[in-house]
Amino acid sequence: MKSNIVLIGMPGVGKSTIGVVLAKQLGYDFVDTDLVIQHKYGRTLQELIMKRGDEGFIELENHELAALQCEHTIIATGGSAVYGKDAMEHLAQIGTIVYLDAPEQELEDRLGDLDARGVVRNGKETVREIFEERLYLYMHYAQITIQLTGKTLRTAVDDTVRLLKDQGLVSPVPETSEQ
């Protein structure tokens, strides 16, 4: 069984937020690949994108994610991770890929300024254009899709855990007695 759960989806969908709660509920570790990249390069995503351009950042992200090694970890990827073929093939080998899907309007409300957020835009101006460009890739790589429309954080996490368990993709965390 693959021991990791890999969260993909648009920026602002809640990969990191859901990932942390999911990790706690399953007893897994948690990694936010955007933070890993920022830490390694000593720059924010926005600074890296400005310095290297979208294409350069995609190459950097692809390289870093393709080298990621972990077990029993919830991995929250950056929204642009799906542009990296090597990265996505590696992540599919070490984990189950879960696409978190939210309506475009919700994403627009959450994201605000795309430049300040450090979003790879590939020449696109709006959330809709970015979403339309990436949707095929999200659907292509996803092994499970979680629709987040109208769901609370708790419901989204519970639905994800239930689907993963129903498909035999995670084992229940053994219960321990508190003393």
Protein backbone atom coordinates (compact mmCIF):
# COMPACT_ATOMS: atom_id res chain seq x y z
CA MET A 1 0.00 0.00 0.00
CA LYS A 2 1.22 3.50 -0.80
CA SER A 3 1.74 5.19 2.52
CA ASN A 4 1.30 8.88 1.59
CA ILE A 5 -1.72 10.96 0.69
CA VAL A 6 -0.97 13.71 -1.88
CA LEU A 7 -3.35 16.67 -2.07
CA ILE A 8 -3.60 18.54 -5.36
CA GLY A 9 -5.86 21.38 -6.44
CA MET A 10 -6.07 25.06 -7.16
CA PRO A 11 -4.38 27.65 -4.97
CA GLY A 12 -6.76 28.63 -2.17
CA VAL A 13 -8.72 25.36 -2.22
CA GLY A 14 -7.49 24.44 1.27
CA LYS A 15 -4.84 21.78 0.64
CA SER A 16 -2.71 22.89 3.60
CA THR A 17 -5.60 23.49 5.97
CA ILE A 18 -7.34 20.21 5.16
CA GLY A 19 -3.96 18.44 5.07
CA VAL A 20 -3.04 19.40 8.64
CA VAL A 21 -6.38 18.23 10.03
CA LEU A 22 -6.26 15.06 7.91
CA ALA A 23 -2.76 14.31 9.22
CA LYS A 24 -3.92 14.71 12.81
CA GLN A 25 -6.93 12.50 12.25
CA LEU A 26 -4.96 9.73 10.54
CA GLY A 27 -1.84 10.01 12.72
CA TYR A 28 0.30 10.95 9.70
CA ASP A 29 3.06 13.53 9.30
CA PHE A 30 2.36 16.65 7.24
CA VAL A 31 4.44 18.37 4.54
CA ASP A 32 3.53 21.55 2.67
CA THR A 33 5.71 21.50 -0.45
CA ASP A 34 5.42 25.27 -0.93
CA LEU A 35 6.99 25.77 2.51
CA VAL A 36 9.68 23.16 1.79
CA ILE A 37 10.64 25.10 -1.37
CA GLN A 38 10.56 28.47 0.40
CA HIS A 39 12.76 27.13 3.20
CA LYS A 40 15.27 25.49 0.87
CA TYR A 41 15.67 28.56 -1.36
CA GLY A 42 15.27 31.22 1.35
CA ARG A 43 12.67 33.12 -0.66
CA THR A 44 8.89 33.39 -0.82
CA LEU A 45 7.08 31.74 -3.73
CA GLN A 46 6.34 35.17 -5.13
CA GLU A 47 10.06 36.07 -5.06
CA LEU A 48 11.02 32.78 -6.71
CA ILE A 49 8.43 33.24 -9.46
CA MET A 50 9.51 36.84 -10.04
CA LYS A 51 13.19 35.83 -10.20
CA ARG A 52 12.84 32.67 -12.30
CA GLY A 53 9.60 33.29 -14.17
CA ASP A 54 6.74 30.81 -14.31
CA GLU A 55 8.67 28.30 -16.40
CA GLY A 56 11.72 28.45 -14.14
CA PHE A 57 9.59 28.01 -11.04
CA ILE A 58 7.78 25.04 -12.58
CA GLU A 59 11.15 23.39 -13.29
CA LEU A 60 12.31 24.04 -9.73
CA GLU A 61 9.07 22.71 -8.24
CA ASN A 62 9.15 19.65 -10.52
CA HIS A 63 12.72 18.87 -9.43
CA GLU A 64 12.01 19.30 -5.70
CA LEU A 65 8.79 17.26 -5.70
CA ALA A 66 10.32 14.48 -7.81
CA ALA A 67 12.98 14.09 -5.09
CA LEU A 68 10.58 14.19 -2.12
CA GLN A 69 10.95 11.18 0.18
CA CYS A 70 8.55 10.50 3.03
CA GLU A 71 6.21 7.86 4.44
CA HIS A 72 2.86 8.06 6.22
CA THR A 73 2.66 11.72 5.30
CA ILE A 74 -0.06 14.03 4.04
CA ILE A 75 1.62 16.03 1.26
CA ALA A 76 0.00 19.36 0.36
CA THR A 77 1.37 20.40 -3.02
CA GLY A 78 1.42 23.81 -4.61
CA GLY A 79 -1.37 24.41 -7.10
CA SER A 80 1.13 24.33 -9.97
CA ALA A 81 2.64 20.95 -9.03
CA VAL A 82 0.58 19.28 -11.77
CA TYR A 83 2.68 21.02 -14.42
CA GLY A 84 5.64 18.83 -13.39
CA LYS A 85 5.39 15.43 -15.09
CA ASP A 86 8.33 13.93 -13.16
CA ALA A 87 6.97 15.24 -9.87
CA MET A 88 3.48 13.88 -10.45
CA GLU A 89 4.74 10.48 -11.57
CA HIS A 90 6.90 10.28 -8.43
CA LEU A 91 4.08 11.42 -6.15
CA ALA A 92 1.75 8.82 -7.71
CA GLN A 93 4.34 6.13 -6.94
CA ILE A 94 4.69 7.09 -3.27
CA GLY A 95 1.10 8.09 -2.53
CA THR A 96 -2.56 8.27 -3.37
CA ILE A 97 -3.39 11.49 -5.21
CA VAL A 98 -6.48 13.32 -3.97
CA TYR A 99 -7.86 16.25 -5.96
CA LEU A 100 -9.62 18.86 -3.83
CA ASP A 101 -12.18 20.56 -6.07
CA ALA A 102 -13.94 23.82 -5.20
CA PRO A 103 -16.07 26.18 -7.28
CA GLU A 104 -14.27 28.92 -9.16
CA GLN A 105 -16.13 31.69 -7.29
CA GLU A 106 -15.02 30.31 -3.91
CA LEU A 107 -11.43 30.21 -5.14
CA GLU A 108 -11.62 33.81 -6.39
CA ASP A 109 -12.98 34.94 -3.01
CA ARG A 110 -10.20 33.13 -1.13
CA LEU A 111 -7.27 34.05 -3.35
CA GLY A 112 -7.45 37.80 -3.72
CA ASP A 113 -4.28 39.19 -5.34
CA LEU A 114 -2.73 36.42 -7.46
CA ASP A 115 0.67 38.10 -7.55
CA ALA A 116 0.89 38.54 -3.78
CA ARG A 117 -0.14 34.91 -3.30
CA GLY A 118 2.73 33.60 -5.46
CA VAL A 119 0.57 31.86 -8.06
CA VAL A 120 2.10 30.50 -11.28
CA ARG A 121 -0.05 32.13 -13.94
CA ASN A 122 1.47 31.02 -17.27
CA GLY A 123 0.28 34.24 -18.85
CA LYS A 124 -3.26 33.86 -17.54
CA GLU A 125 -4.93 36.86 -15.93
CA THR A 126 -7.87 35.41 -13.97
CA VAL A 127 -8.59 32.54 -11.62
CA ARG A 128 -11.01 31.21 -14.26
CA GLU A 129 -8.28 31.09 -16.93
CA ILE A 130 -5.84 29.39 -14.56
CA PHE A 131 -8.51 26.91 -13.45
CA GLU A 132 -9.47 26.08 -17.03
CA GLU A 133 -5.84 25.46 -17.95
CA ARG A 134 -5.18 23.19 -14.95
CA LEU A 135 -8.46 21.27 -14.69
CA TYR A 136 -7.43 18.58 -17.17
CA LEU A 137 -4.18 17.98 -15.27
CA TYR A 138 -5.94 17.76 -11.89
CA MET A 139 -8.45 15.27 -13.30
CA HIS A 140 -5.71 13.32 -15.09
CA TYR A 141 -3.60 12.75 -11.98
CA ALA A 142 -6.40 12.37 -9.39
CA GLN A 143 -7.14 8.95 -8.03
CA ILE A 144 -9.83 10.37 -5.78
CA THR A 145 -11.74 13.66 -6.13
CA ILE A 146 -13.27 15.41 -3.14
CA GLN A 147 -15.91 17.99 -4.04
CA LEU A 148 -15.71 20.80 -1.47
CA THR A 149 -18.76 22.82 -2.51
CA GLY A 150 -20.66 23.86 0.60
CA LYS A 151 -18.58 21.65 2.91
CA THR A 152 -17.08 22.64 6.21
CA LEU A 153 -13.48 21.77 6.97
CA ARG A 154 -14.63 18.91 9.22
CA THR A 155 -16.95 17.47 6.54
CA ALA A 156 -14.24 17.71 3.88
CA VAL A 157 -11.77 15.86 6.12
CA ASP A 158 -14.35 13.24 7.16
CA ASP A 159 -15.35 12.62 3.52
CA THR A 160 -11.69 12.25 2.53
CA VAL A 161 -10.95 9.80 5.35
CA ARG A 162 -14.08 7.77 4.57
CA LEU A 163 -13.24 7.51 0.85
CA LEU A 164 -9.63 6.56 1.54
CA LYS A 165 -10.67 3.90 4.05
CA ASP A 166 -13.50 2.57 1.84
CA GLN A 167 -11.00 2.06 -0.97
CA GLY A 168 -8.45 0.45 1.35
CA LEU A 169 -5.95 3.27 0.81
CA VAL A 170 -5.28 3.95 4.51
CA SER A 171 -5.45 1.79 7.56
CA PRO A 172 -7.37 3.03 10.54
CA VAL A 173 -5.16 4.53 13.22
CA PRO A 174 -4.99 2.06 16.11
CA GLU A 175 -6.82 3.40 19.12
CA THR A 176 -4.80 3.86 22.27
CA SER A 177 -6.19 4.09 25.74
CA GLU A 178 -5.45 7.33 27.53
CA GLN A 179 -4.25 7.00 31.07
